[in-house]
């Protein structure tokens, strides 16, 4: 019985760690899209709507949060 509890607690910890790692990996992918937005906005003639569109084109396939395009 103790072996089953040990195995189940190990599996639960593994599942939690895998889920946490997956969400951290997704956040890293989203930061790439935010970098695209930041570089676009750093341009002297930056247009927020165009930069948001570039961000969204990167973010949508990765299922990252989208920005409003004004």
N, C-alpha and C. Protein backbone atom coordinates (compact mmCIF):
# COMPACT_ATOMS: atom_id res chain seq x y z
N UNK A 1 0.82 -1.19 0.00
CA UNK A 1 0.00 0.00 0.00
C UNK A 1 0.87 1.26 0.00
N UNK A 2 1.93 1.25 0.79
CA UNK A 2 2.82 2.40 0.85
C UNK A 2 3.48 2.67 -0.50
N UNK A 3 3.78 1.59 -1.22
CA UNK A 3 4.41 1.74 -2.53
C UNK A 3 3.46 2.42 -3.52
N UNK A 4 2.19 2.11 -3.44
CA UNK A 4 1.21 2.73 -4.33
C UNK A 4 1.10 4.23 -4.03
N UNK A 5 1.06 4.58 -2.76
CA UNK A 5 0.99 6.00 -2.39
C UNK A 5 2.23 6.74 -2.86
N UNK A 6 3.38 6.13 -2.70
CA UNK A 6 4.63 6.75 -3.14
C UNK A 6 4.60 6.96 -4.66
N UNK A 7 4.15 5.96 -5.39
CA UNK A 7 4.08 6.05 -6.85
C UNK A 7 3.09 7.13 -7.28
N UNK A 8 1.93 7.17 -6.64
CA UNK A 8 0.92 8.17 -6.99
C UNK A 8 1.40 9.58 -6.67
N UNK A 9 2.07 9.76 -5.54
CA UNK A 9 2.56 11.10 -5.20
C UNK A 9 3.67 11.51 -6.17
N UNK A 10 4.50 10.56 -6.60
CA UNK A 10 5.53 10.87 -7.58
C UNK A 10 4.89 11.27 -8.91
N UNK A 11 3.87 10.55 -9.34
CA UNK A 11 3.19 10.88 -10.60
C UNK A 11 2.52 12.24 -10.52
N UNK A 12 1.92 12.55 -9.39
CA UNK A 12 1.27 13.85 -9.23
C UNK A 12 2.31 14.98 -9.29
N UNK A 13 3.44 14.79 -8.63
CA UNK A 13 4.50 15.80 -8.66
C UNK A 13 5.05 15.96 -10.08
N UNK A 14 5.21 14.85 -10.79
CA UNK A 14 5.71 14.90 -12.16
C UNK A 14 4.74 15.64 -13.07
N UNK A 15 3.45 15.37 -12.93
CA UNK A 15 2.44 16.04 -13.75
C UNK A 15 2.42 17.54 -13.47
N UNK A 16 2.55 17.91 -12.21
CA UNK A 16 2.58 19.33 -11.85
C UNK A 16 3.81 20.01 -12.46
N UNK A 17 4.97 19.37 -12.36
CA UNK A 17 6.20 19.95 -12.90
C UNK A 17 6.12 20.06 -14.42
N UNK A 18 5.55 19.06 -15.07
CA UNK A 18 5.43 19.10 -16.53
C UNK A 18 4.51 20.23 -16.96
N UNK A 19 3.42 20.43 -16.26
CA UNK A 19 2.50 21.52 -16.57
C UNK A 19 3.14 22.87 -16.35
N UNK A 20 3.91 23.00 -15.29
CA UNK A 20 4.60 24.26 -15.01
C UNK A 20 5.65 24.55 -16.08
N UNK A 21 6.39 23.54 -16.48
CA UNK A 21 7.41 23.72 -17.52
C UNK A 21 6.76 24.09 -18.85
N UNK A 22 5.62 23.49 -19.15
CA UNK A 22 4.91 23.81 -20.39
C UNK A 22 4.42 25.24 -20.41
N UNK A 23 3.92 25.72 -19.29
CA UNK A 23 3.45 27.11 -19.26
C UNK A 23 4.63 28.09 -19.33
N UNK A 24 5.76 27.73 -18.74
CA UNK A 24 6.93 28.59 -18.82
C UNK A 24 7.45 28.63 -20.25
N UNK A 25 7.40 27.52 -20.94
CA UNK A 25 7.85 27.47 -22.33
C UNK A 25 6.93 28.33 -23.20
N UNK A 26 5.62 28.26 -22.96
CA UNK A 26 4.68 29.08 -23.73
C UNK A 26 4.93 30.56 -23.48
N UNK A 27 5.20 30.93 -22.25
CA UNK A 27 5.47 32.34 -21.94
C UNK A 27 6.72 32.82 -22.67
N UNK A 28 7.72 31.94 -22.79
CA UNK A 28 8.92 32.30 -23.52
C UNK A 28 8.63 32.57 -24.98
N UNK A 29 7.77 31.78 -25.58
CA UNK A 29 7.39 31.99 -26.97
C UNK A 29 6.64 33.30 -27.14
N UNK A 30 5.82 33.66 -26.18
CA UNK A 30 5.07 34.90 -26.25
C UNK A 30 5.99 36.12 -26.14
N UNK A 31 7.09 35.97 -25.42
CA UNK A 31 7.99 37.11 -25.26
C UNK A 31 8.66 37.46 -26.59
N UNK A 32 8.81 36.50 -27.48
CA UNK A 32 9.36 36.79 -28.80
C UNK A 32 8.44 37.77 -29.53
N UNK A 33 7.15 37.54 -29.44
CA UNK A 33 6.17 38.41 -30.10
C UNK A 33 6.17 39.79 -29.47
N UNK A 34 6.35 39.85 -28.17
CA UNK A 34 6.40 41.15 -27.49
C UNK A 34 7.65 41.91 -27.93
N UNK A 35 8.74 41.19 -28.18
CA UNK A 35 9.96 41.82 -28.68
C UNK A 35 9.74 42.43 -30.06
N UNK A 36 8.96 41.75 -30.90
CA UNK A 36 8.62 42.29 -32.22
C UNK A 36 7.87 43.60 -32.06
N UNK A 37 6.91 43.62 -31.15
CA UNK A 37 6.13 44.83 -30.89
C UNK A 37 7.03 45.96 -30.37
N UNK A 38 7.91 45.63 -29.42
CA UNK A 38 8.79 46.65 -28.83
C UNK A 38 9.73 47.25 -29.87
N UNK A 39 10.31 46.39 -30.73
CA UNK A 39 11.20 46.90 -31.78
C UNK A 39 10.44 47.78 -32.76
N UNK A 40 9.23 47.40 -33.08
CA UNK A 40 8.40 48.19 -33.99
C UNK A 40 8.11 49.56 -33.37
N UNK A 41 7.72 49.59 -32.10
CA UNK A 41 7.36 50.84 -31.43
C UNK A 41 8.58 51.73 -31.21
N UNK A 42 9.78 51.17 -31.23
CA UNK A 42 10.99 51.96 -31.03
C UNK A 42 11.36 52.76 -32.29
N UNK A 43 10.72 52.48 -33.40
CA UNK A 43 11.00 53.21 -34.64
C UNK A 43 10.46 54.64 -34.53
N UNK A 44 11.14 55.62 -35.15
CA UNK A 44 10.70 57.02 -35.03
C UNK A 44 9.29 57.27 -35.56
N UNK A 45 8.89 56.56 -36.59
CA UNK A 45 7.56 56.78 -37.18
C UNK A 45 6.59 55.64 -36.82
N UNK A 46 6.74 55.09 -35.62
CA UNK A 46 5.96 53.92 -35.20
C UNK A 46 4.46 54.23 -35.16
N UNK A 47 3.70 53.25 -35.60
CA UNK A 47 2.24 53.31 -35.55
C UNK A 47 1.77 52.16 -34.66
N UNK A 48 1.08 52.48 -33.58
CA UNK A 48 0.69 51.46 -32.60
C UNK A 48 -0.15 50.37 -33.24
N UNK A 49 -1.04 50.71 -34.13
CA UNK A 49 -1.90 49.72 -34.78
C UNK A 49 -1.11 48.75 -35.63
N UNK A 50 -0.14 49.27 -36.38
CA UNK A 50 0.69 48.41 -37.22
C UNK A 50 1.54 47.48 -36.35
N UNK A 51 2.10 48.04 -35.28
CA UNK A 51 2.94 47.23 -34.38
C UNK A 51 2.10 46.16 -33.68
N UNK A 52 0.89 46.51 -33.28
CA UNK A 52 0.00 45.52 -32.66
C UNK A 52 -0.35 44.43 -33.65
N UNK A 53 -0.56 44.78 -34.90
CA UNK A 53 -0.87 43.78 -35.93
C UNK A 53 0.30 42.82 -36.11
N UNK A 54 1.53 43.35 -36.14
CA UNK A 54 2.71 42.50 -36.25
C UNK A 54 2.81 41.55 -35.06
N UNK A 55 2.56 42.09 -33.87
CA UNK A 55 2.56 41.26 -32.66
C UNK A 55 1.51 40.16 -32.77
N UNK A 56 0.32 40.51 -33.18
CA UNK A 56 -0.77 39.54 -33.25
C UNK A 56 -0.51 38.45 -34.30
N UNK A 57 0.14 38.81 -35.40
CA UNK A 57 0.47 37.81 -36.41
C UNK A 57 1.45 36.77 -35.84
N UNK A 58 2.32 37.20 -34.96
CA UNK A 58 3.24 36.29 -34.29
C UNK A 58 2.53 35.51 -33.18
N UNK A 59 1.68 36.21 -32.41
CA UNK A 59 1.09 35.64 -31.20
C UNK A 59 -0.04 34.66 -31.46
N UNK A 60 -0.84 34.90 -32.48
CA UNK A 60 -2.03 34.08 -32.69
C UNK A 60 -1.70 32.60 -32.90
N UNK A 61 -0.76 32.23 -33.76
CA UNK A 61 -0.49 30.80 -33.92
C UNK A 61 0.08 30.14 -32.67
N UNK A 62 0.70 30.95 -31.78
CA UNK A 62 1.28 30.41 -30.55
C UNK A 62 0.27 30.43 -29.41
N UNK A 63 -0.93 30.91 -29.68
CA UNK A 63 -2.01 31.03 -28.68
C UNK A 63 -1.59 31.93 -27.52
N UNK A 64 -0.92 33.02 -27.85
CA UNK A 64 -0.55 34.03 -26.86
C UNK A 64 -1.63 35.12 -26.85
N UNK A 65 -1.70 35.90 -25.78
CA UNK A 65 -2.68 37.00 -25.75
C UNK A 65 -2.45 37.97 -26.90
N UNK A 66 -3.55 38.46 -27.47
CA UNK A 66 -3.49 39.39 -28.59
C UNK A 66 -3.61 40.82 -28.07
N UNK A 67 -3.09 41.76 -28.85
CA UNK A 67 -3.18 43.18 -28.51
C UNK A 67 -4.29 43.81 -29.34
N UNK A 68 -4.95 44.83 -28.80
CA UNK A 68 -5.96 45.53 -29.61
C UNK A 68 -5.28 46.34 -30.71
N UNK A 69 -5.86 46.26 -31.89
CA UNK A 69 -5.33 47.02 -33.05
C UNK A 69 -6.20 48.26 -33.24
N UNK A 70 -5.69 49.41 -32.85
CA UNK A 70 -6.45 50.66 -32.97
C UNK A 70 -6.35 51.21 -34.36
